[in-house]
Amino acid sequence: VHQRAVQVFFSVTFALSCTMFELIIFEILGVLANSSRLLTWRVSLYAMLVLLICLIPLYFFYSLTRVIRIGLFFSFCSF
């Protein structure tokens, strides 16, 4: 993947997923205080939701319109 933003989105999504999995394991083992696990869970969940519902689709449509705009530019330049 050549676009830096796609790499960042993948890395952040993967890191948040690992954090949430880690929190499930911590819940089973009883590691950390309940309040800190809950706070970390909420922050991770809201960050994941914002990323998956807002940022990734927004970037997808941005890159799609950019490709269409570049394609239209080259089609007008060929005449």
PDB file of N, CA and C in Angstrom:
ATOM      1  N   VAL A   1       0.861  -1.176   0.000  1.00  0.00           N
ATOM      2  CA  VAL A   1       0.000   0.000   0.000  1.00  0.00           C
ATOM      3  C   VAL A   1       0.901   1.231   0.000  1.00  0.00           C
ATOM      4  N   HIS A   2       0.644   2.105  -0.941  1.00  0.00           N
ATOM      5  CA  HIS A   2       1.511   3.263  -1.116  1.00  0.00           C
ATOM      6  C   HIS A   2       1.012   4.500  -0.384  1.00  0.00           C
ATOM      7  N   GLN A   3      -0.248   4.518   0.009  1.00  0.00           N
ATOM      8  CA  GLN A   3      -0.781   5.699   0.678  1.00  0.00           C
ATOM      9  C   GLN A   3      -0.524   5.597   2.176  1.00  0.00           C
ATOM     10  N   ARG A   4       0.075   6.629   2.698  1.00  0.00           N
ATOM     11  CA  ARG A   4       0.461   6.652   4.114  1.00  0.00           C
ATOM     12  C   ARG A   4      -0.766   6.611   5.027  1.00  0.00           C
ATOM     13  N   ALA A   5      -1.840   7.283   4.648  1.00  0.00           N
ATOM     14  CA  ALA A   5      -3.045   7.324   5.486  1.00  0.00           C
ATOM     15  C   ALA A   5      -3.656   5.936   5.645  1.00  0.00           C
ATOM     16  N   VAL A   6      -3.627   5.128   4.603  1.00  0.00           N
ATOM     17  CA  VAL A   6      -4.163   3.768   4.685  1.00  0.00           C
ATOM     18  C   VAL A   6      -3.346   2.943   5.674  1.00  0.00           C
ATOM     19  N   GLN A   7      -2.046   3.098   5.652  1.00  0.00           N
ATOM     20  CA  GLN A   7      -1.187   2.392   6.598  1.00  0.00           C
ATOM     21  C   GLN A   7      -1.475   2.827   8.034  1.00  0.00           C
ATOM     22  N   VAL A   8      -1.685   4.119   8.230  1.00  0.00           N
ATOM     23  CA  VAL A   8      -1.977   4.636   9.576  1.00  0.00           C
ATOM     24  C   VAL A   8      -3.333   4.127  10.056  1.00  0.00           C
ATOM     25  N   PHE A   9      -4.347   4.165   9.184  1.00  0.00           N
ATOM     26  CA  PHE A   9      -5.673   3.662   9.567  1.00  0.00           C
ATOM     27  C   PHE A   9      -5.614   2.184   9.935  1.00  0.00           C
ATOM     28  N   PHE A  10      -4.885   1.393   9.162  1.00  0.00           N
ATOM     29  CA  PHE A  10      -4.756  -0.024   9.477  1.00  0.00           C
ATOM     30  C   PHE A  10      -4.046  -0.221  10.814  1.00  0.00           C
ATOM     31  N   SER A  11      -2.970   0.509  11.033  1.00  0.00           N
ATOM     32  CA  SER A  11      -2.200   0.365  12.271  1.00  0.00           C
ATOM     33  C   SER A  11      -3.023   0.738  13.495  1.00  0.00           C
ATOM     34  N   VAL A  12      -3.750   1.829  13.401  1.00  0.00           N
ATOM     35  CA  VAL A  12      -4.565   2.274  14.540  1.00  0.00           C
ATOM     36  C   VAL A  12      -5.705   1.295  14.794  1.00  0.00           C
ATOM     37  N   THR A  13      -6.352   0.819  13.732  1.00  0.00           N
ATOM     38  CA  THR A  13      -7.434  -0.153  13.893  1.00  0.00           C
ATOM     39  C   THR A  13      -6.916  -1.442  14.519  1.00  0.00           C
ATOM     40  N   PHE A  14      -5.774  -1.906  14.065  1.00  0.00           N
ATOM     41  CA  PHE A  14      -5.191  -3.130  14.618  1.00  0.00           C
ATOM     42  C   PHE A  14      -4.793  -2.937  16.078  1.00  0.00           C
ATOM     43  N   ALA A  15      -4.204  -1.796  16.397  1.00  0.00           N
ATOM     44  CA  ALA A  15      -3.793  -1.525  17.780  1.00  0.00           C
ATOM     45  C   ALA A  15      -5.004  -1.446  18.708  1.00  0.00           C
ATOM     46  N   LEU A  16      -6.061  -0.792  18.257  1.00  0.00           N
ATOM     47  CA  LEU A  16      -7.269  -0.711  19.085  1.00  0.00           C
ATOM     48  C   LEU A  16      -7.906  -2.084  19.268  1.00  0.00           C
ATOM     49  N   SER A  17      -7.888  -2.904  18.235  1.00  0.00           N
ATOM     50  CA  SER A  17      -8.428  -4.260  18.346  1.00  0.00           C
ATOM     51  C   SER A  17      -7.620  -5.090  19.338  1.00  0.00           C
ATOM     52  N   CYS A  18      -6.311  -4.962  19.281  1.00  0.00           N
ATOM     53  CA  CYS A  18      -5.455  -5.685  20.235  1.00  0.00           C
ATOM     54  C   CYS A  18      -5.677  -5.199  21.660  1.00  0.00           C
ATOM     55  N   THR A  19      -5.872  -3.897  21.818  1.00  0.00           N
ATOM     56  CA  THR A  19      -6.141  -3.343  23.144  1.00  0.00           C
ATOM     57  C   THR A  19      -7.449  -3.883  23.703  1.00  0.00           C
ATOM     58  N   MET A  20      -8.468  -3.954  22.860  1.00  0.00           N
ATOM     59  CA  MET A  20      -9.756  -4.470  23.325  1.00  0.00           C
ATOM     60  C   MET A  20      -9.665  -5.962  23.660  1.00  0.00           C
ATOM     61  N   PHE A  21      -8.925  -6.713  22.867  1.00  0.00           N
ATOM     62  CA  PHE A  21      -8.713  -8.128  23.174  1.00  0.00           C
ATOM     63  C   PHE A  21      -7.956  -8.285  24.491  1.00  0.00           C
ATOM     64  N   GLU A  22      -6.960  -7.443  24.684  1.00  0.00           N
ATOM     65  CA  GLU A  22      -6.189  -7.460  25.925  1.00  0.00           C
ATOM     66  C   GLU A  22      -7.080  -7.143  27.127  1.00  0.00           C
ATOM     67  N   LEU A  23      -7.994  -6.214  26.963  1.00  0.00           N
ATOM     68  CA  LEU A  23      -8.904  -5.870  28.055  1.00  0.00           C
ATOM     69  C   LEU A  23      -9.848  -7.024  28.391  1.00  0.00           C
ATOM     70  N   ILE A  24     -10.248  -7.798  27.390  1.00  0.00           N
ATOM     71  CA  ILE A  24     -11.077  -8.976  27.664  1.00  0.00           C
ATOM     72  C   ILE A  24     -10.279  -9.995  28.475  1.00  0.00           C
ATOM     73  N   ILE A  25      -9.028 -10.204  28.104  1.00  0.00           N
ATOM     74  CA  ILE A  25      -8.164 -11.126  28.861  1.00  0.00           C
ATOM     75  C   ILE A  25      -7.958 -10.607  30.284  1.00  0.00           C
ATOM     76  N   PHE A  26      -7.740  -9.300  30.426  1.00  0.00           N
ATOM     77  CA  PHE A  26      -7.568  -8.716  31.759  1.00  0.00           C
ATOM     78  C   PHE A  26      -8.820  -8.886  32.607  1.00  0.00           C
ATOM     79  N   GLU A  27      -9.986  -8.798  31.988  1.00  0.00           N
ATOM     80  CA  GLU A  27     -11.241  -8.991  32.724  1.00  0.00           C
ATOM     81  C   GLU A  27     -11.338 -10.423  33.240  1.00  0.00           C
ATOM     82  N   ILE A  28     -10.961 -11.376  32.420  1.00  0.00           N
ATOM     83  CA  ILE A  28     -11.021 -12.781  32.832  1.00  0.00           C
ATOM     84  C   ILE A  28     -10.029 -13.061  33.954  1.00  0.00           C
ATOM     85  N   LEU A  29      -8.826 -12.501  33.839  1.00  0.00           N
ATOM     86  CA  LEU A  29      -7.787 -12.764  34.838  1.00  0.00           C
ATOM     87  C   LEU A  29      -7.885 -11.867  36.064  1.00  0.00           C
ATOM     88  N   GLY A  30      -8.675 -10.809  35.979  1.00  0.00           N
ATOM     89  CA  GLY A  30      -8.820  -9.898  37.110  1.00  0.00           C
ATOM     90  C   GLY A  30      -7.656  -8.937  37.269  1.00  0.00           C
ATOM     91  N   VAL A  31      -6.988  -8.618  36.183  1.00  0.00           N
ATOM     92  CA  VAL A  31      -5.856  -7.692  36.203  1.00  0.00           C
ATOM     93  C   VAL A  31      -6.398  -6.276  36.071  1.00  0.00           C
ATOM     94  N   LEU A  32      -5.774  -5.327  36.730  1.00  0.00           N
ATOM     95  CA  LEU A  32      -6.157  -3.908  36.751  1.00  0.00           C
ATOM     96  C   LEU A  32      -7.438  -3.694  37.552  1.00  0.00           C
ATOM     97  N   ALA A  33      -7.631  -2.472  37.938  1.00  0.00           N
ATOM     98  CA  ALA A  33      -8.844  -2.108  38.666  1.00  0.00           C
ATOM     99  C   ALA A  33     -10.010  -2.028  37.686  1.00  0.00           C
ATOM    100  N   ASN A  34     -11.207  -2.262  38.196  1.00  0.00           N
ATOM    101  CA  ASN A  34     -12.397  -2.220  37.347  1.00  0.00           C
ATOM    102  C   ASN A  34     -12.570  -0.865  36.677  1.00  0.00           C
ATOM    103  N   SER A  35     -12.305   0.205  37.417  1.00  0.00           N
ATOM    104  CA  SER A  35     -12.513   1.549  36.859  1.00  0.00           C
ATOM    105  C   SER A  35     -11.539   1.845  35.722  1.00  0.00           C
ATOM    106  N   SER A  36     -10.293   1.411  35.861  1.00  0.00           N
ATOM    107  CA  SER A  36      -9.325   1.665  34.784  1.00  0.00           C
ATOM    108  C   SER A  36      -9.615   0.803  33.559  1.00  0.00           C
ATOM    109  N   ARG A  37     -10.065  -0.429  33.770  1.00  0.00           N
ATOM    110  CA  ARG A  37     -10.456  -1.262  32.629  1.00  0.00           C
ATOM    111  C   ARG A  37     -11.654  -0.671  31.910  1.00  0.00           C
ATOM    112  N   LEU A  38     -12.622  -0.173  32.660  1.00  0.00           N
ATOM    113  CA  LEU A  38     -13.814   0.426  32.057  1.00  0.00           C
ATOM    114  C   LEU A  38     -13.464   1.687  31.277  1.00  0.00           C
ATOM    115  N   LEU A  39     -12.614   2.523  31.847  1.00  0.00           N
ATOM    116  CA  LEU A  39     -12.204   3.746  31.152  1.00  0.00           C
ATOM    117  C   LEU A  39     -11.459   3.415  29.863  1.00  0.00           C
ATOM    118  N   THR A  40     -10.528   2.475  29.938  1.00  0.00           N
ATOM    119  CA  THR A  40      -9.775   2.082  28.748  1.00  0.00           C
ATOM    120  C   THR A  40     -10.689   1.448  27.706  1.00  0.00           C
ATOM    121  N   TRP A  41     -11.658   0.651  28.147  1.00  0.00           N
ATOM    122  CA  TRP A  41     -12.604   0.033  27.221  1.00  0.00           C
ATOM    123  C   TRP A  41     -13.424   1.095  26.497  1.00  0.00           C
ATOM    124  N   ARG A  42     -13.921   2.076  27.242  1.00  0.00           N
ATOM    125  CA  ARG A  42     -14.744   3.131  26.624  1.00  0.00           C
ATOM    126  C   ARG A  42     -13.944   3.977  25.642  1.00  0.00           C
ATOM    127  N   VAL A  43     -12.723   4.333  26.024  1.00  0.00           N
ATOM    128  CA  VAL A  43     -11.880   5.130  25.122  1.00  0.00           C
ATOM    129  C   VAL A  43     -11.572   4.334  23.853  1.00  0.00           C
ATOM    130  N   SER A  44     -11.229   3.068  24.005  1.00  0.00           N
ATOM    131  CA  SER A  44     -10.928   2.230  22.838  1.00  0.00           C
ATOM    132  C   SER A  44     -12.156   2.032  21.962  1.00  0.00           C
ATOM    133  N   LEU A  45     -13.293   1.807  22.589  1.00  0.00           N
ATOM    134  CA  LEU A  45     -14.522   1.578  21.833  1.00  0.00           C
ATOM    135  C   LEU A  45     -14.939   2.821  21.050  1.00  0.00           C
ATOM    136  N   TYR A  46     -14.921   3.984  21.696  1.00  0.00           N
ATOM    137  CA  TYR A  46     -15.298   5.217  20.996  1.00  0.00           C
ATOM    138  C   TYR A  46     -14.296   5.566  19.898  1.00  0.00           C
ATOM    139  N   ALA A  47     -13.020   5.333  20.152  1.00  0.00           N
ATOM    140  CA  ALA A  47     -12.017   5.590  19.113  1.00  0.00           C
ATOM    141  C   ALA A  47     -12.222   4.656  17.925  1.00  0.00           C
ATOM    142  N   MET A  48     -12.519   3.394  18.196  1.00  0.00           N
ATOM    143  CA  MET A  48     -12.771   2.438  17.116  1.00  0.00           C
ATOM    144  C   MET A  48     -14.018   2.822  16.326  1.00  0.00           C
ATOM    145  N   LEU A  49     -15.067   3.237  17.022  1.00  0.00           N
ATOM    146  CA  LEU A  49     -16.294   3.641  16.333  1.00  0.00           C
ATOM    147  C   LEU A  49     -16.072   4.860  15.451  1.00  0.00           C
ATOM    148  N   VAL A  50     -15.367   5.848  15.959  1.00  0.00           N
ATOM    149  CA  VAL A  50     -15.083   7.046  15.161  1.00  0.00           C
ATOM    150  C   VAL A  50     -14.257   6.677  13.939  1.00  0.00           C
ATOM    151  N   LEU A  51     -13.298   5.816  14.137  1.00  0.00           N
ATOM    152  CA  LEU A  51     -12.443   5.402  13.028  1.00  0.00           C
ATOM    153  C   LEU A  51     -13.235   4.639  11.970  1.00  0.00           C
ATOM    154  N   LEU A  52     -14.036   3.664  12.394  1.00  0.00           N
ATOM    155  CA  LEU A  52     -14.735   2.805  11.446  1.00  0.00           C
ATOM    156  C   LEU A  52     -15.964   3.452  10.821  1.00  0.00           C
ATOM    157  N   ILE A  53     -16.635   4.327  11.554  1.00  0.00           N
ATOM    158  CA  ILE A  53     -17.868   4.929  11.039  1.00  0.00           C
ATOM    159  C   ILE A  53     -17.609   6.250  10.336  1.00  0.00           C
ATOM    160  N   CYS A  54     -16.627   7.008  10.782  1.00  0.00           N
ATOM    161  CA  CYS A  54     -16.406   8.349  10.223  1.00  0.00           C
ATOM    162  C   CYS A  54     -15.150   8.448   9.372  1.00  0.00           C
ATOM    163  N   LEU A  55     -14.004   8.169   9.938  1.00  0.00           N
ATOM    164  CA  LEU A  55     -12.742   8.490   9.278  1.00  0.00           C
ATOM    165  C   LEU A  55     -12.432   7.617   8.062  1.00  0.00           C
ATOM    166  N   ILE A  56     -12.595   6.312   8.191  1.00  0.00           N
ATOM    167  CA  ILE A  56     -12.271   5.435   7.064  1.00  0.00           C
ATOM    168  C   ILE A  56     -13.214   5.661   5.881  1.00  0.00           C
ATOM    169  N   PRO A  57     -14.546   5.728   6.086  1.00  0.00           N
ATOM    170  CA  PRO A  57     -15.405   6.043   4.928  1.00  0.00           C
ATOM    171  C   PRO A  57     -15.144   7.431   4.350  1.00  0.00           C
ATOM    172  N   LEU A  58     -14.860   8.406   5.197  1.00  0.00           N
ATOM    173  CA  LEU A  58     -14.560   9.748   4.708  1.00  0.00           C
ATOM    174  C   LEU A  58     -13.310   9.735   3.836  1.00  0.00           C
ATOM    175  N   TYR A  59     -12.288   9.034   4.275  1.00  0.00           N
ATOM    176  CA  TYR A  59     -11.067   8.951   3.475  1.00  0.00           C
ATOM    177  C   TYR A  59     -11.302   8.166   2.187  1.00  0.00           C
ATOM    178  N   PHE A  60     -12.141   7.142   2.245  1.00  0.00           N
ATOM    179  CA  PHE A  60     -12.462   6.376   1.044  1.00  0.00           C
ATOM    180  C   PHE A  60     -13.105   7.274  -0.009  1.00  0.00           C
ATOM    181  N   PHE A  61     -14.098   8.064   0.397  1.00  0.00           N
ATOM    182  CA  PHE A  61     -14.756   8.947  -0.566  1.00  0.00           C
ATOM    183  C   PHE A  61     -13.833  10.069  -1.026  1.00  0.00           C
ATOM    184  N   TYR A  62     -12.956  10.519  -0.154  1.00  0.00           N
ATOM    185  CA  TYR A  62     -11.970  11.524  -0.556  1.00  0.00           C
ATOM    186  C   TYR A  62     -11.048  10.971  -1.638  1.00  0.00           C
ATOM    187  N   SER A  63     -10.525   9.766  -1.411  1.00  0.00           N
ATOM    188  CA  SER A  63      -9.615   9.191  -2.407  1.00  0.00           C
ATOM    189  C   SER A  63     -10.359   8.836  -3.690  1.00  0.00           C
ATOM    190  N   LEU A  64     -11.619   8.435  -3.583  1.00  0.00           N
ATOM    191  CA  LEU A  64     -12.415   8.134  -4.769  1.00  0.00           C
ATOM    192  C   LEU A  64     -12.644   9.384  -5.607  1.00  0.00           C
ATOM    193  N   THR A  65     -13.008  10.483  -4.968  1.00  0.00           N
ATOM    194  CA  THR A  65     -13.224  11.722  -5.720  1.00  0.00           C
ATOM    195  C   THR A  65     -11.911  12.256  -6.283  1.00  0.00           C
ATOM    196  N   ARG A  66     -10.832  12.033  -5.588  1.00  0.00           N
ATOM    197  CA  ARG A  66      -9.531  12.459  -6.099  1.00  0.00           C
ATOM    198  C   ARG A  66      -9.159  11.697  -7.367  1.00  0.00           C
ATOM    199  N   VAL A  67      -9.412  10.400  -7.375  1.00  0.00           N
ATOM    200  CA  VAL A  67      -9.124   9.587  -8.557  1.00  0.00           C
ATOM    201  C   VAL A  67     -10.033   9.994  -9.711  1.00  0.00           C
ATOM    202  N   ILE A  68     -11.305  10.234  -9.431  1.00  0.00           N
ATOM    203  CA  ILE A  68     -12.238  10.658 -10.479  1.00  0.00           C
ATOM    204  C   ILE A  68     -11.827  12.013 -11.032  1.00  0.00           C
ATOM    205  N   ARG A  69     -11.440  12.923 -10.149  1.00  0.00           N
ATOM    206  CA  ARG A  69     -11.017  14.254 -10.586  1.00  0.00           C
ATOM    207  C   ARG A  69      -9.763  14.177 -11.456  1.00  0.00           C
ATOM    208  N   ILE A  70      -8.815  13.339 -11.074  1.00  0.00           N
ATOM    209  CA  ILE A  70      -7.593  13.176 -11.867  1.00  0.00           C
ATOM    210  C   ILE A  70      -7.933  12.546 -13.214  1.00  0.00           C
ATOM    211  N   GLY A  71      -8.842  11.561 -13.214  1.00  0.00           N
ATOM    212  CA  GLY A  71      -9.259  10.937 -14.467  1.00  0.00           C
ATOM    213  C   GLY A  71      -9.945  11.922 -15.393  1.00  0.00           C
ATOM    214  N   LEU A  72     -10.789  12.793 -14.840  1.00  0.00           N
ATOM    215  CA  LEU A  72     -11.448  13.811 -15.660  1.00  0.00           C
ATOM    216  C   LEU A  72     -10.439  14.806 -16.200  1.00  0.00           C
ATOM    217  N   PHE A  73      -9.448  15.152 -15.394  1.00  0.00           N
ATOM    218  CA  PHE A  73      -8.421  16.092 -15.838  1.00  0.00           C
ATOM    219  C   PHE A  73      -7.659  15.530 -17.034  1.00  0.00           C
ATOM    220  N   PHE A  74      -7.272  14.250 -16.938  1.00  0.00           N
ATOM    221  CA  PHE A  74      -6.527  13.650 -18.041  1.00  0.00           C
ATOM    222  C   PHE A  74      -7.399  13.444 -19.275  1.00  0.00           C
ATOM    223  N   SER A  75      -8.703  13.200 -19.082  1.00  0.00           N
ATOM    224  CA  SER A  75      -9.565  13.034 -20.252  1.00  0.00           C
ATOM    225  C   SER A  75      -9.761  14.364 -20.972  1.00  0.00           C
ATOM    226  N   PHE A  76      -9.788  15.487 -20.237  1.00  0.00           N
ATOM    227  CA  PHE A  76      -9.904  16.796 -20.872  1.00  0.00           C
ATOM    228  C   PHE A  76      -8.589  17.208 -21.528  1.00  0.00           C
ATOM    229  N   CYS A  77      -7.479  16.793 -20.966  1.00  0.00           N
ATOM    230  CA  CYS A  77      -6.175  17.165 -21.522  1.00  0.00           C
ATOM    231  C   CYS A  77      -5.848  16.393 -22.797  1.00  0.00           C
ATOM    232  N   SER A  78      -6.496  15.263 -23.014  1.00  0.00           N
ATOM    233  CA  SER A  78      -6.158  14.459 -24.184  1.00  0.00           C
ATOM    234  C   SER A  78      -6.732  15.021 -25.476  1.00  0.00           C
ATOM    235  N   PHE A  79      -7.664  15.951 -25.389  1.00  0.00           N
ATOM    236  CA  PHE A  79      -8.252  16.529 -26.608  1.00  0.00           C
ATOM    237  C   PHE A  79      -7.363  17.520 -27.219  1.00  0.00           C
TER     238      PHE A  79
END
